[in-house]
PDB file of all heavy atoms in Angstrom:
ATOM      1  N   ILE A   1       9.760  14.672  -3.502  1.00  0.00           N
ATOM      2  CA  ILE A   1      10.116  13.336  -3.027  1.00  0.00           C
ATOM      3  C   ILE A   1       8.966  12.390  -3.344  1.00  0.00           C
ATOM      4  O   ILE A   1       7.800  12.736  -3.214  1.00  0.00           O
ATOM      5  CB  ILE A   1      10.436  13.324  -1.514  1.00  0.00           C
ATOM      6  CG1 ILE A   1       9.397  14.121  -0.719  1.00  0.00           C
ATOM      7  CG2 ILE A   1      11.829  13.826  -1.239  1.00  0.00           C
ATOM      8  CD1 ILE A   1       9.604  14.071   0.775  1.00  0.00           C
ATOM      9  N   LEU A   2       9.331  11.188  -3.776  1.00  0.00           N
ATOM     10  CA  LEU A   2       8.349  10.215  -4.239  1.00  0.00           C
ATOM     11  C   LEU A   2       8.284   9.001  -3.316  1.00  0.00           C
ATOM     12  O   LEU A   2       9.253   8.671  -2.627  1.00  0.00           O
ATOM     13  CB  LEU A   2       8.691   9.738  -5.649  1.00  0.00           C
ATOM     14  CG  LEU A   2       8.846  10.803  -6.734  1.00  0.00           C
ATOM     15  CD1 LEU A   2       9.169  10.143  -8.075  1.00  0.00           C
ATOM     16  CD2 LEU A   2       7.598  11.666  -6.853  1.00  0.00           C
ATOM     17  N   ASN A   3       7.119   8.352  -3.328  1.00  0.00           N
ATOM     18  CA  ASN A   3       6.926   7.039  -2.711  1.00  0.00           C
ATOM     19  C   ASN A   3       7.279   7.011  -1.229  1.00  0.00           C
ATOM     20  O   ASN A   3       8.111   6.230  -0.779  1.00  0.00           O
ATOM     21  CB  ASN A   3       7.738   5.981  -3.460  1.00  0.00           C
ATOM     22  CG  ASN A   3       7.311   5.831  -4.892  1.00  0.00           C
ATOM     23  OD1 ASN A   3       6.138   6.017  -5.212  1.00  0.00           O
ATOM     24  ND2 ASN A   3       8.240   5.508  -5.771  1.00  0.00           N
ATOM     25  N   LEU A   4       6.594   7.856  -0.473  1.00  0.00           N
ATOM     26  CA  LEU A   4       6.780   7.856   0.981  1.00  0.00           C
ATOM     27  C   LEU A   4       5.798   6.877   1.623  1.00  0.00           C
ATOM     28  O   LEU A   4       4.658   6.742   1.168  1.00  0.00           O
ATOM     29  CB  LEU A   4       6.546   9.256   1.552  1.00  0.00           C
ATOM     30  CG  LEU A   4       7.586  10.312   1.175  1.00  0.00           C
ATOM     31  CD1 LEU A   4       7.121  11.685   1.648  1.00  0.00           C
ATOM     32  CD2 LEU A   4       8.950   9.976   1.769  1.00  0.00           C
ATOM     33  N   PRO A   5       6.201   6.199   2.703  1.00  0.00           N
ATOM     34  CA  PRO A   5       5.277   5.287   3.386  1.00  0.00           C
ATOM     35  C   PRO A   5       4.216   6.052   4.153  1.00  0.00           C
ATOM     36  O   PRO A   5       4.404   7.223   4.537  1.00  0.00           O
ATOM     37  CB  PRO A   5       6.192   4.504   4.332  1.00  0.00           C
ATOM     38  CG  PRO A   5       7.360   5.397   4.559  1.00  0.00           C
ATOM     39  CD  PRO A   5       7.551   6.160   3.287  1.00  0.00           C
ATOM     40  N   ALA A   6       3.095   5.390   4.411  1.00  0.00           N
ATOM     41  CA  ALA A   6       1.959   6.039   5.072  1.00  0.00           C
ATOM     42  C   ALA A   6       2.319   6.580   6.443  1.00  0.00           C
ATOM     43  O   ALA A   6       1.783   7.601   6.886  1.00  0.00           O
ATOM     44  CB  ALA A   6       0.808   5.048   5.174  1.00  0.00           C
ATOM     45  N   ASP A   7       3.253   5.920   7.153  1.00  0.00           N
ATOM     46  CA  ASP A   7       3.553   6.359   8.517  1.00  0.00           C
ATOM     47  C   ASP A   7       4.310   7.687   8.568  1.00  0.00           C
ATOM     48  O   ASP A   7       4.531   8.237   9.649  1.00  0.00           O
ATOM     49  CB  ASP A   7       4.312   5.277   9.297  1.00  0.00           C
ATOM     50  CG  ASP A   7       5.564   4.790   8.591  1.00  0.00           C
ATOM     51  OD1 ASP A   7       6.020   5.466   7.646  1.00  0.00           O
ATOM     52  OD2 ASP A   7       6.090   3.737   8.992  1.00  0.00           O
ATOM     53  N   LEU A   8       4.700   8.222   7.399  1.00  0.00           N
ATOM     54  CA  LEU A   8       5.336   9.540   7.368  1.00  0.00           C
ATOM     55  C   LEU A   8       4.364  10.652   6.971  1.00  0.00           C
ATOM     56  O   LEU A   8       4.756  11.818   6.892  1.00  0.00           O
ATOM     57  CB  LEU A   8       6.526   9.536   6.395  1.00  0.00           C
ATOM     58  CG  LEU A   8       7.744   8.692   6.797  1.00  0.00           C
ATOM     59  CD1 LEU A   8       8.835   8.805   5.736  1.00  0.00           C
ATOM     60  CD2 LEU A   8       8.282   9.112   8.157  1.00  0.00           C
ATOM     61  N   TYR A   9       3.101  10.291   6.733  1.00  0.00           N
ATOM     62  CA  TYR A   9       2.133  11.281   6.265  1.00  0.00           C
ATOM     63  C   TYR A   9       1.964  12.422   7.255  1.00  0.00           C
ATOM     64  O   TYR A   9       1.909  13.594   6.872  1.00  0.00           O
ATOM     65  CB  TYR A   9       0.796  10.591   5.991  1.00  0.00           C
ATOM     66  CG  TYR A   9      -0.247  11.484   5.348  1.00  0.00           C
ATOM     67  CD1 TYR A   9       0.111  12.518   4.486  1.00  0.00           C
ATOM     68  CD2 TYR A   9      -1.603  11.272   5.594  1.00  0.00           C
ATOM     69  CE1 TYR A   9      -0.842  13.312   3.886  1.00  0.00           C
ATOM     70  CE2 TYR A   9      -2.565  12.075   4.998  1.00  0.00           C
ATOM     71  CZ  TYR A   9      -2.180  13.092   4.157  1.00  0.00           C
ATOM     72  OH  TYR A   9      -3.129  13.889   3.572  1.00  0.00           O
ATOM     73  N   ALA A  10       1.901  12.102   8.533  1.00  0.00           N
ATOM     74  CA  ALA A  10       1.720  13.146   9.547  1.00  0.00           C
ATOM     75  C   ALA A  10       2.866  14.145   9.509  1.00  0.00           C
ATOM     76  O   ALA A  10       2.659  15.360   9.635  1.00  0.00           O
ATOM     77  CB  ALA A  10       1.605  12.506  10.928  1.00  0.00           C
ATOM     78  N   GLN A  11       4.097  13.662   9.329  1.00  0.00           N
ATOM     79  CA  GLN A  11       5.241  14.575   9.266  1.00  0.00           C
ATOM     80  C   GLN A  11       5.190  15.455   8.029  1.00  0.00           C
ATOM     81  O   GLN A  11       5.533  16.639   8.083  1.00  0.00           O
ATOM     82  CB  GLN A  11       6.545  13.777   9.264  1.00  0.00           C
ATOM     83  CG  GLN A  11       6.854  13.057  10.575  1.00  0.00           C
ATOM     84  CD  GLN A  11       8.231  12.426  10.552  1.00  0.00           C
ATOM     85  OE1 GLN A  11       9.235  13.079  10.280  1.00  0.00           O
ATOM     86  NE2 GLN A  11       8.269  11.118  10.825  1.00  0.00           N
ATOM     87  N   VAL A  12       4.756  14.873   6.908  1.00  0.00           N
ATOM     88  CA  VAL A  12       4.662  15.658   5.667  1.00  0.00           C
ATOM     89  C   VAL A  12       3.627  16.766   5.832  1.00  0.00           C
ATOM     90  O   VAL A  12       3.849  17.914   5.429  1.00  0.00           O
ATOM     91  CB  VAL A  12       4.297  14.750   4.473  1.00  0.00           C
ATOM     92  CG1 VAL A  12       4.070  15.593   3.217  1.00  0.00           C
ATOM     93  CG2 VAL A  12       5.393  13.728   4.224  1.00  0.00           C
ATOM     94  N   LYS A  13       2.491  16.431   6.447  1.00  0.00           N
ATOM     95  CA  LYS A  13       1.421  17.423   6.611  1.00  0.00           C
ATOM     96  C   LYS A  13       1.837  18.578   7.508  1.00  0.00           C
ATOM     97  O   LYS A  13       1.364  19.708   7.343  1.00  0.00           O
ATOM     98  CB  LYS A  13       0.169  16.746   7.169  1.00  0.00           C
ATOM     99  CG  LYS A  13      -0.568  15.882   6.170  1.00  0.00           C
ATOM    100  CD  LYS A  13      -1.958  15.517   6.639  1.00  0.00           C
ATOM    101  CE  LYS A  13      -1.957  14.583   7.814  1.00  0.00           C
ATOM    102  NZ  LYS A  13      -3.327  14.116   8.154  1.00  0.00           N
ATOM    103  N   THR A  14       2.715  18.318   8.466  1.00  0.00           N
ATOM    104  CA  THR A  14       3.111  19.376   9.404  1.00  0.00           C
ATOM    105  C   THR A  14       4.386  20.095   8.983  1.00  0.00           C
ATOM    106  O   THR A  14       4.780  21.067   9.631  1.00  0.00           O
ATOM    107  CB  THR A  14       3.302  18.786  10.810  1.00  0.00           C
ATOM    108  OG1 THR A  14       4.273  17.732  10.766  1.00  0.00           O
ATOM    109  CG2 THR A  14       1.983  18.234  11.337  1.00  0.00           C
ATOM    110  N   ALA A  15       5.052  19.642   7.935  1.00  0.00           N
ATOM    111  CA  ALA A  15       6.282  20.290   7.477  1.00  0.00           C
ATOM    112  C   ALA A  15       5.944  21.571   6.725  1.00  0.00           C
ATOM    113  O   ALA A  15       5.268  21.534   5.696  1.00  0.00           O
ATOM    114  CB  ALA A  15       7.077  19.336   6.587  1.00  0.00           C
ATOM    115  N   ALA A  16       6.406  22.690   7.225  1.00  0.00           N
ATOM    116  CA  ALA A  16       6.079  23.987   6.611  1.00  0.00           C
ATOM    117  C   ALA A  16       6.660  24.122   5.213  1.00  0.00           C
ATOM    118  O   ALA A  16       6.118  24.847   4.373  1.00  0.00           O
ATOM    119  CB  ALA A  16       6.598  25.110   7.509  1.00  0.00           C
ATOM    120  N   SER A  17       7.759  23.426   4.941  1.00  0.00           N
ATOM    121  CA  SER A  17       8.444  23.574   3.654  1.00  0.00           C
ATOM    122  C   SER A  17       7.959  22.601   2.589  1.00  0.00           C
ATOM    123  O   SER A  17       8.479  22.608   1.469  1.00  0.00           O
ATOM    124  CB  SER A  17       9.954  23.384   3.851  1.00  0.00           C
ATOM    125  OG  SER A  17      10.221  22.114   4.421  1.00  0.00           O
ATOM    126  N   LEU A  18       6.961  21.776   2.920  1.00  0.00           N
ATOM    127  CA  LEU A  18       6.481  20.776   1.959  1.00  0.00           C
ATOM    128  C   LEU A  18       4.965  20.748   1.899  1.00  0.00           C
ATOM    129  O   LEU A  18       4.292  21.110   2.861  1.00  0.00           O
ATOM    130  CB  LEU A  18       6.984  19.377   2.342  1.00  0.00           C
ATOM    131  CG  LEU A  18       8.472  19.082   2.212  1.00  0.00           C
ATOM    132  CD1 LEU A  18       8.769  17.695   2.750  1.00  0.00           C
ATOM    133  CD2 LEU A  18       8.938  19.201   0.761  1.00  0.00           C
ATOM    134  N   LYS A  19       4.462  20.295   0.769  1.00  0.00           N
ATOM    135  CA  LYS A  19       3.034  20.047   0.619  1.00  0.00           C
ATOM    136  C   LYS A  19       2.846  18.614   0.136  1.00  0.00           C
ATOM    137  O   LYS A  19       3.513  18.182  -0.808  1.00  0.00           O
ATOM    138  CB  LYS A  19       2.407  21.014  -0.401  1.00  0.00           C
ATOM    139  CG  LYS A  19       2.299  22.447   0.095  1.00  0.00           C
ATOM    140  CD  LYS A  19       1.521  23.292  -0.906  1.00  0.00           C
ATOM    141  CE  LYS A  19       1.318  24.715  -0.364  1.00  0.00           C
ATOM    142  NZ  LYS A  19       0.508  25.542  -1.298  1.00  0.00           N
ATOM    143  N   PRO A  20       1.972  17.850   0.802  1.00  0.00           N
ATOM    144  CA  PRO A  20       1.765  16.466   0.367  1.00  0.00           C
ATOM    145  C   PRO A  20       0.998  16.392  -0.943  1.00  0.00           C
ATOM    146  O   PRO A  20       0.196  17.273  -1.260  1.00  0.00           O
ATOM    147  CB  PRO A  20       0.953  15.859   1.511  1.00  0.00           C
ATOM    148  CG  PRO A  20       0.226  17.020   2.111  1.00  0.00           C
ATOM    149  CD  PRO A  20       1.147  18.202   1.971  1.00  0.00           C
ATOM    150  N   GLN A  21       1.263  15.354  -1.697  1.00  0.00           N
ATOM    151  CA  GLN A  21       0.503  15.052  -2.902  1.00  0.00           C
ATOM    152  C   GLN A  21       0.106  13.587  -2.837  1.00  0.00           C
ATOM    153  O   GLN A  21       0.962  12.710  -2.739  1.00  0.00           O
ATOM    154  CB  GLN A  21       1.319  15.305  -4.170  1.00  0.00           C
ATOM    155  CG  GLN A  21       0.524  15.030  -5.451  1.00  0.00           C
ATOM    156  CD  GLN A  21       1.379  14.503  -6.589  1.00  0.00           C
ATOM    157  OE1 GLN A  21       2.312  13.749  -6.363  1.00  0.00           O
ATOM    158  NE2 GLN A  21       1.054  14.898  -7.803  1.00  0.00           N
ATOM    159  N   ILE A  22      -1.195  13.325  -2.860  1.00  0.00           N
ATOM    160  CA  ILE A  22      -1.701  11.964  -2.808  1.00  0.00           C
ATOM    161  C   ILE A  22      -2.305  11.620  -4.162  1.00  0.00           C
ATOM    162  O   ILE A  22      -3.177  12.333  -4.657  1.00  0.00           O
ATOM    163  CB  ILE A  22      -2.756  11.801  -1.693  1.00  0.00           C
ATOM    164  CG1 ILE A  22      -2.107  12.049  -0.326  1.00  0.00           C
ATOM    165  CG2 ILE A  22      -3.384  10.417  -1.736  1.00  0.00           C
ATOM    166  CD1 ILE A  22      -3.096  12.070   0.807  1.00  0.00           C
ATOM    167  N   ILE A  23      -1.805  10.545  -4.764  1.00  0.00           N
ATOM    168  CA  ILE A  23      -2.348  10.071  -6.033  1.00  0.00           C
ATOM    169  C   ILE A  23      -3.014   8.731  -5.779  1.00  0.00           C
ATOM    170  O   ILE A  23      -2.385   7.788  -5.298  1.00  0.00           O
ATOM    171  CB  ILE A  23      -1.253   9.916  -7.091  1.00  0.00           C
ATOM    172  CG1 ILE A  23      -0.663  11.290  -7.435  1.00  0.00           C
ATOM    173  CG2 ILE A  23      -1.811   9.257  -8.347  1.00  0.00           C
ATOM    174  CD1 ILE A  23       0.425  11.248  -8.478  1.00  0.00           C
ATOM    175  N   ARG A  24      -4.294   8.668  -6.064  1.00  0.00           N
ATOM    176  CA  ARG A  24      -4.999   7.404  -5.883  1.00  0.00           C
ATOM    177  C   ARG A  24      -6.009   7.211  -7.005  1.00  0.00           C
ATOM    178  O   ARG A  24      -6.567   8.197  -7.491  1.00  0.00           O
ATOM    179  CB  ARG A  24      -5.682   7.352  -4.512  1.00  0.00           C
ATOM    180  CG  ARG A  24      -6.718   8.412  -4.238  1.00  0.00           C
ATOM    181  CD  ARG A  24      -7.281   8.238  -2.837  1.00  0.00           C
ATOM    182  NE  ARG A  24      -8.399   9.149  -2.634  1.00  0.00           N
ATOM    183  CZ  ARG A  24      -9.078   9.252  -1.493  1.00  0.00           C
ATOM    184  NH1 ARG A  24      -8.756   8.498  -0.465  1.00  0.00           N
ATOM    185  NH2 ARG A  24     -10.081  10.092  -1.391  1.00  0.00           N
ATOM    186  N   PRO A  25      -6.192   5.982  -7.397  1.00  0.00           N
ATOM    187  CA  PRO A  25      -5.491   4.798  -6.923  1.00  0.00           C
ATOM    188  C   PRO A  25      -4.080   4.712  -7.496  1.00  0.00           C
ATOM    189  O   PRO A  25      -3.773   5.333  -8.516  1.00  0.00           O
ATOM    190  CB  PRO A  25      -6.352   3.651  -7.436  1.00  0.00           C
ATOM    191  CG  PRO A  25      -6.957   4.193  -8.702  1.00  0.00           C
ATOM    192  CD  PRO A  25      -7.203   5.657  -8.427  1.00  0.00           C
ATOM    193  N   TYR A  26      -3.243   3.922  -6.826  1.00  0.00           N
ATOM    194  CA  TYR A  26      -1.862   3.734  -7.248  1.00  0.00           C
ATOM    195  C   TYR A  26      -1.537   2.253  -7.416  1.00  0.00           C
ATOM    196  O   TYR A  26      -0.954   1.841  -8.393  1.00  0.00           O
ATOM    197  CB  TYR A  26      -0.931   4.375  -6.219  1.00  0.00           C
ATOM    198  CG  TYR A  26       0.531   4.335  -6.576  1.00  0.00           C
ATOM    199  CD1 TYR A  26       0.977   4.872  -7.775  1.00  0.00           C
ATOM    200  CD2 TYR A  26       1.471   3.778  -5.707  1.00  0.00           C
ATOM    201  CE1 TYR A  26       2.325   4.848  -8.107  1.00  0.00           C
ATOM    202  CE2 TYR A  26       2.813   3.753  -6.032  1.00  0.00           C
ATOM    203  CZ  TYR A  26       3.245   4.284  -7.234  1.00  0.00           C
ATOM    204  OH  TYR A  26       4.573   4.258  -7.563  1.00  0.00           O
ATOM    205  N   TYR A  27      -1.903   1.471  -6.434  1.00  0.00           N
ATOM    206  CA  TYR A  27      -1.770   0.016  -6.500  1.00  0.00           C
ATOM    207  C   TYR A  27      -3.046  -0.632  -6.002  1.00  0.00           C
ATOM    208  O   TYR A  27      -3.715  -0.094  -5.120  1.00  0.00           O
ATOM    209  CB  TYR A  27      -0.607  -0.480  -5.641  1.00  0.00           C
ATOM    210  CG  TYR A  27       0.743  -0.421  -6.310  1.00  0.00           C
ATOM    211  CD1 TYR A  27       1.602   0.655  -6.074  1.00  0.00           C
ATOM    212  CD2 TYR A  27       1.161  -1.431  -7.167  1.00  0.00           C
ATOM    213  CE1 TYR A  27       2.839   0.718  -6.683  1.00  0.00           C
ATOM    214  CE2 TYR A  27       2.399  -1.367  -7.789  1.00  0.00           C
ATOM    215  CZ  TYR A  27       3.243  -0.303  -7.534  1.00  0.00           C
ATOM    216  OH  TYR A  27       4.459  -0.237  -8.145  1.00  0.00           O
ATOM    217  N   ALA A  28      -3.375  -1.803  -6.571  1.00  0.00           N
ATOM    218  CA  ALA A  28      -4.454  -2.635  -6.063  1.00  0.00           C
ATOM    219  C   ALA A  28      -3.799  -3.780  -5.287  1.00  0.00           C
ATOM    220  O   ALA A  28      -3.026  -4.551  -5.861  1.00  0.00           O
ATOM    221  CB  ALA A  28      -5.306  -3.179  -7.206  1.00  0.00           C
ATOM    222  N   GLN A  29      -4.087  -3.862  -3.992  1.00  0.00           N
ATOM    223  CA  GLN A  29      -3.417  -4.839  -3.145  1.00  0.00           C
ATOM    224  C   GLN A  29      -4.273  -6.085  -2.946  1.00  0.00           C
ATOM    225  O   GLN A  29      -5.484  -6.000  -2.720  1.00  0.00           O
ATOM    226  CB  GLN A  29      -3.062  -4.242  -1.779  1.00  0.00           C
ATOM    227  CG  GLN A  29      -2.184  -5.164  -0.938  1.00  0.00           C
ATOM    228  CD  GLN A  29      -1.668  -4.496   0.322  1.00  0.00           C
ATOM    229  OE1 GLN A  29      -1.964  -3.330   0.585  1.00  0.00           O
ATOM    230  NE2 GLN A  29      -0.890  -5.216   1.100  1.00  0.00           N
ATOM    231  N   PHE A  30      -3.632  -7.239  -3.018  1.00  0.00           N
ATOM    232  CA  PHE A  30      -4.292  -8.537  -2.891  1.00  0.00           C
ATOM    233  C   PHE A  30      -3.512  -9.441  -1.939  1.00  0.00           C
ATOM    234  O   PHE A  30      -2.320  -9.225  -1.700  1.00  0.00           O
ATOM    235  CB  PHE A  30      -4.370  -9.249  -4.251  1.00  0.00           C
ATOM    236  CG  PHE A  30      -5.285  -8.606  -5.249  1.00  0.00           C
ATOM    237  CD1 PHE A  30      -4.881  -7.490  -5.970  1.00  0.00           C
ATOM    238  CD2 PHE A  30      -6.554  -9.116  -5.486  1.00  0.00           C
ATOM    239  CE1 PHE A  30      -5.709  -6.894  -6.907  1.00  0.00           C
ATOM    240  CE2 PHE A  30      -7.390  -8.537  -6.423  1.00  0.00           C
ATOM    241  CZ  PHE A  30      -6.972  -7.431  -7.127  1.00  0.00           C
ATOM    242  N   LEU A  31      -4.200 -10.459  -1.440  1.00  0.00           N
ATOM    243  CA  LEU A  31      -3.560 -11.591  -0.776  1.00  0.00           C
ATOM    244  C   LEU A  31      -3.607 -12.751  -1.760  1.00  0.00           C
ATOM    245  O   LEU A  31      -4.685 -13.228  -2.129  1.00  0.00           O
ATOM    246  CB  LEU A  31      -4.296 -11.963   0.514  1.00  0.00           C
ATOM    247  CG  LEU A  31      -3.779 -13.235   1.207  1.00  0.00           C
ATOM    248  CD1 LEU A  31      -2.375 -13.010   1.770  1.00  0.00           C
ATOM    249  CD2 LEU A  31      -4.737 -13.665   2.324  1.00  0.00           C
ATOM    250  N   LEU A  32      -2.441 -13.201  -2.227  1.00  0.00           N
ATOM    251  CA  LEU A  32      -2.374 -14.297  -3.184  1.00  0.00           C
ATOM    252  C   LEU A  32      -2.282 -15.628  -2.453  1.00  0.00           C
ATOM    253  O   LEU A  32      -1.544 -15.750  -1.463  1.00  0.00           O
ATOM    254  CB  LEU A  32      -1.172 -14.134  -4.118  1.00  0.00           C
ATOM    255  CG  LEU A  32      -1.408 -13.246  -5.349  1.00  0.00           C
ATOM    256  CD1 LEU A  32      -1.649 -11.805  -4.938  1.00  0.00           C
ATOM    257  CD2 LEU A  32      -0.234 -13.328  -6.311  1.00  0.00           C
ATOM    258  N   LEU A  33      -3.029 -16.610  -2.922  1.00  0.00           N
ATOM    259  CA  LEU A  33      -3.099 -17.928  -2.300  1.00  0.00           C
ATOM    260  C   LEU A  33      -2.453 -18.963  -3.215  1.00  0.00           C
ATOM    261  O   LEU A  33      -2.702 -18.971  -4.419  1.00  0.00           O
ATOM    262  CB  LEU A  33      -4.563 -18.294  -2.027  1.00  0.00           C
ATOM    263  CG  LEU A  33      -5.375 -17.252  -1.236  1.00  0.00           C
ATOM    264  CD1 LEU A  33      -6.837 -17.674  -1.148  1.00  0.00           C
ATOM    265  CD2 LEU A  33      -4.791 -17.047   0.152  1.00  0.00           C
ATOM    266  N   ASN A  34      -1.636 -19.826  -2.644  1.00  0.00           N
ATOM    267  CA  ASN A  34      -0.917 -20.837  -3.419  1.00  0.00           C
ATOM    268  C   ASN A  34      -1.860 -21.977  -3.769  1.00  0.00           C
ATOM    269  O   ASN A  34      -2.097 -22.893  -2.967  1.00  0.00           O
ATOM    270  CB  ASN A  34       0.284 -21.353  -2.620  1.00  0.00           C
ATOM    271  CG  ASN A  34       1.191 -22.247  -3.456  1.00  0.00           C
ATOM    272  OD1 ASN A  34       0.785 -22.768  -4.485  1.00  0.00           O
ATOM    273  ND2 ASN A  34       2.424 -22.417  -3.005  1.00  0.00           N
ATOM    274  N   THR A  35      -2.419 -21.933  -4.949  1.00  0.00           N
ATOM    275  CA  THR A  35      -3.428 -22.910  -5.378  1.00  0.00           C
ATOM    276  C   THR A  35      -2.834 -24.225  -5.854  1.00  0.00           C
ATOM    277  O   THR A  35      -3.569 -25.128  -6.262  1.00  0.00           O
ATOM    278  CB  THR A  35      -4.273 -22.311  -6.511  1.00  0.00           C
ATOM    279  OG1 THR A  35      -3.402 -21.963  -7.604  1.00  0.00           O
ATOM    280  CG2 THR A  35      -5.013 -21.067  -6.045  1.00  0.00           C
ATOM    281  N   SER A  36      -1.514 -24.375  -5.804  1.00  0.00           N
ATOM    282  CA  SER A  36      -0.864 -25.567  -6.343  1.00  0.00           C
ATOM    283  C   SER A  36      -0.759 -26.704  -5.340  1.00  0.00           C
ATOM    284  O   SER A  36      -0.392 -27.814  -5.714  1.00  0.00           O
ATOM    285  CB  SER A  36       0.538 -25.220  -6.862  1.00  0.00           C
ATOM    286  OG  SER A  36       1.414 -24.939  -5.783  1.00  0.00           O
ATOM    287  N   LYS A  37      -1.070 -26.429  -4.056  1.00  0.00           N
ATOM    288  CA  LYS A  37      -0.910 -27.474  -3.042  1.00  0.00           C
ATOM    289  C   LYS A  37      -1.884 -27.225  -1.894  1.00  0.00           C
ATOM    290  O   LYS A  37      -2.453 -26.130  -1.762  1.00  0.00           O
ATOM    291  CB  LYS A  37       0.531 -27.491  -2.518  1.00  0.00           C
ATOM    292  CG  LYS A  37       0.957 -26.258  -1.699  1.00  0.00           C
ATOM    293  CD  LYS A  37       2.405 -26.370  -1.305  1.00  0.00           C
ATOM    294  CE  LYS A  37       2.835 -25.220  -0.397  1.00  0.00           C
ATOM    295  NZ  LYS A  37       2.265 -25.359   0.964  1.00  0.00           N
ATOM    296  N   PRO A  38      -2.097 -28.240  -1.043  1.00  0.00           N
ATOM    297  CA  PRO A  38      -2.976 -28.055   0.107  1.00  0.00           C
ATOM    298  C   PRO A  38      -2.426 -26.968   1.035  1.00  0.00           C
ATOM    299  O   PRO A  38      -1.211 -26.790   1.127  1.00  0.00           O
ATOM    300  CB  PRO A  38      -2.962 -29.424   0.794  1.00  0.00           C
ATOM    301  CG  PRO A  38      -2.586 -30.387  -0.296  1.00  0.00           C
ATOM    302  CD  PRO A  38      -1.613 -29.614  -1.160  1.00  0.00           C
ATOM    303  N   PRO A  39      -3.290 -26.241   1.749  1.00  0.00           N
ATOM    304  CA  PRO A  39      -4.743 -26.411   1.726  1.00  0.00           C
ATOM    305  C   PRO A  39      -5.461 -25.568   0.670  1.00  0.00           C
ATOM    306  O   PRO A  39      -6.641 -25.739   0.441  1.00  0.00           O
ATOM    307  CB  PRO A  39      -5.144 -25.939   3.117  1.00  0.00           C
ATOM    308  CG  PRO A  39      -4.178 -24.828   3.400  1.00  0.00           C
ATOM    309  CD  PRO A  39      -2.859 -25.294   2.797  1.00  0.00           C
ATOM    310  N   PHE A  40      -4.734 -24.639  -0.002  1.00  0.00           N
ATOM    311  CA  PHE A  40      -5.415 -23.690  -0.878  1.00  0.00           C
ATOM    312  C   PHE A  40      -5.692 -24.230  -2.272  1.00  0.00           C
ATOM    313  O   PHE A  40      -6.188 -23.502  -3.134  1.00  0.00           O
ATOM    314  CB  PHE A  40      -4.650 -22.371  -0.936  1.00  0.00           C
ATOM    315  CG  PHE A  40      -4.687 -21.605   0.356  1.00  0.00           C
ATOM    316  CD1 PHE A  40      -3.521 -21.359   1.073  1.00  0.00           C
ATOM    317  CD2 PHE A  40      -5.895 -21.165   0.878  1.00  0.00           C
ATOM    318  CE1 PHE A  40      -3.560 -20.668   2.274  1.00  0.00           C
ATOM    319  CE2 PHE A  40      -5.941 -20.471   2.081  1.00  0.00           C
ATOM    320  CZ  PHE A  40      -4.772 -20.228   2.785  1.00  0.00           C
ATOM    321  N   ASP A  41      -5.388 -25.518  -2.513  1.00  0.00           N
ATOM    322  CA  ASP A  41      -5.862 -26.136  -3.750  1.00  0.00           C
ATOM    323  C   ASP A  41      -7.350 -26.484  -3.649  1.00  0.00           C
ATOM    324  O   ASP A  41      -7.992 -26.849  -4.639  1.00  0.00           O
ATOM    325  CB  ASP A  41      -5.041 -27.387  -4.081  1.00  0.00           C
ATOM    326  CG  ASP A  41      -5.099 -28.452  -2.995  1.00  0.00           C
ATOM    327  OD1 ASP A  41      -5.541 -28.145  -1.867  1.00  0.00           O
ATOM    328  OD2 ASP A  41      -4.699 -29.599  -3.280  1.00  0.00           O
ATOM    329  N   ASN A  42      -7.919 -26.316  -2.453  1.00  0.00           N
ATOM    330  CA  ASN A  42      -9.341 -26.552  -2.193  1.00  0.00           C
ATOM    331  C   ASN A  42     -10.070 -25.213  -2.171  1.00  0.00           C
ATOM    332  O   ASN A  42      -9.745 -24.328  -1.367  1.00  0.00           O
ATOM    333  CB  ASN A  42      -9.509 -27.264  -0.848  1.00  0.00           C
ATOM    334  CG  ASN A  42     -10.933 -27.734  -0.605  1.00  0.00           C
ATOM    335  OD1 ASN A  42     -11.900 -27.023  -0.883  1.00  0.00           O
ATOM    336  ND2 ASN A  42     -11.079 -28.936  -0.058  1.00  0.00           N
ATOM    337  N   VAL A  43     -11.073 -25.060  -3.045  1.00  0.00           N
ATOM    338  CA  VAL A  43     -11.761 -23.775  -3.147  1.00  0.00           C
ATOM    339  C   VAL A  43     -12.485 -23.408  -1.860  1.00  0.00           C
ATOM    340  O   VAL A  43     -12.646 -22.219  -1.532  1.00  0.00           O
ATOM    341  CB  VAL A  43     -12.718 -23.764  -4.359  1.00  0.00           C
ATOM    342  CG1 VAL A  43     -13.906 -24.693  -4.128  1.00  0.00           C
ATOM    343  CG2 VAL A  43     -13.186 -22.348  -4.675  1.00  0.00           C
ATOM    344  N   LYS A  44     -12.914 -24.385  -1.089  1.00  0.00           N
ATOM    345  CA  LYS A  44     -13.591 -24.078   0.176  1.00  0.00           C
ATOM    346  C   LYS A  44     -12.629 -23.396   1.148  1.00  0.00           C
ATOM    347  O   LYS A  44     -13.021 -22.478   1.882  1.00  0.00           O
ATOM    348  CB  LYS A  44     -14.176 -25.343   0.800  1.00  0.00           C
ATOM    349  CG  LYS A  44     -15.406 -25.871   0.081  1.00  0.00           C
ATOM    350  CD  LYS A  44     -16.052 -27.011   0.865  1.00  0.00           C
ATOM    351  CE  LYS A  44     -17.340 -27.470   0.179  1.00  0.00           C
ATOM    352  NZ  LYS A  44     -18.014 -28.559   0.945  1.00  0.00           N
TER     353      LYS A  44
END
């Protein structure tokens, strides 16, 4: 099974019939700011 959310990790670890596989890194997460209008058109 692929792409499980983090909140299911505990269940995967305790399931006798499964073994978890963690691949990292997988995604780089960012907060994107709308630079086209106030207030984030101001670098400060």
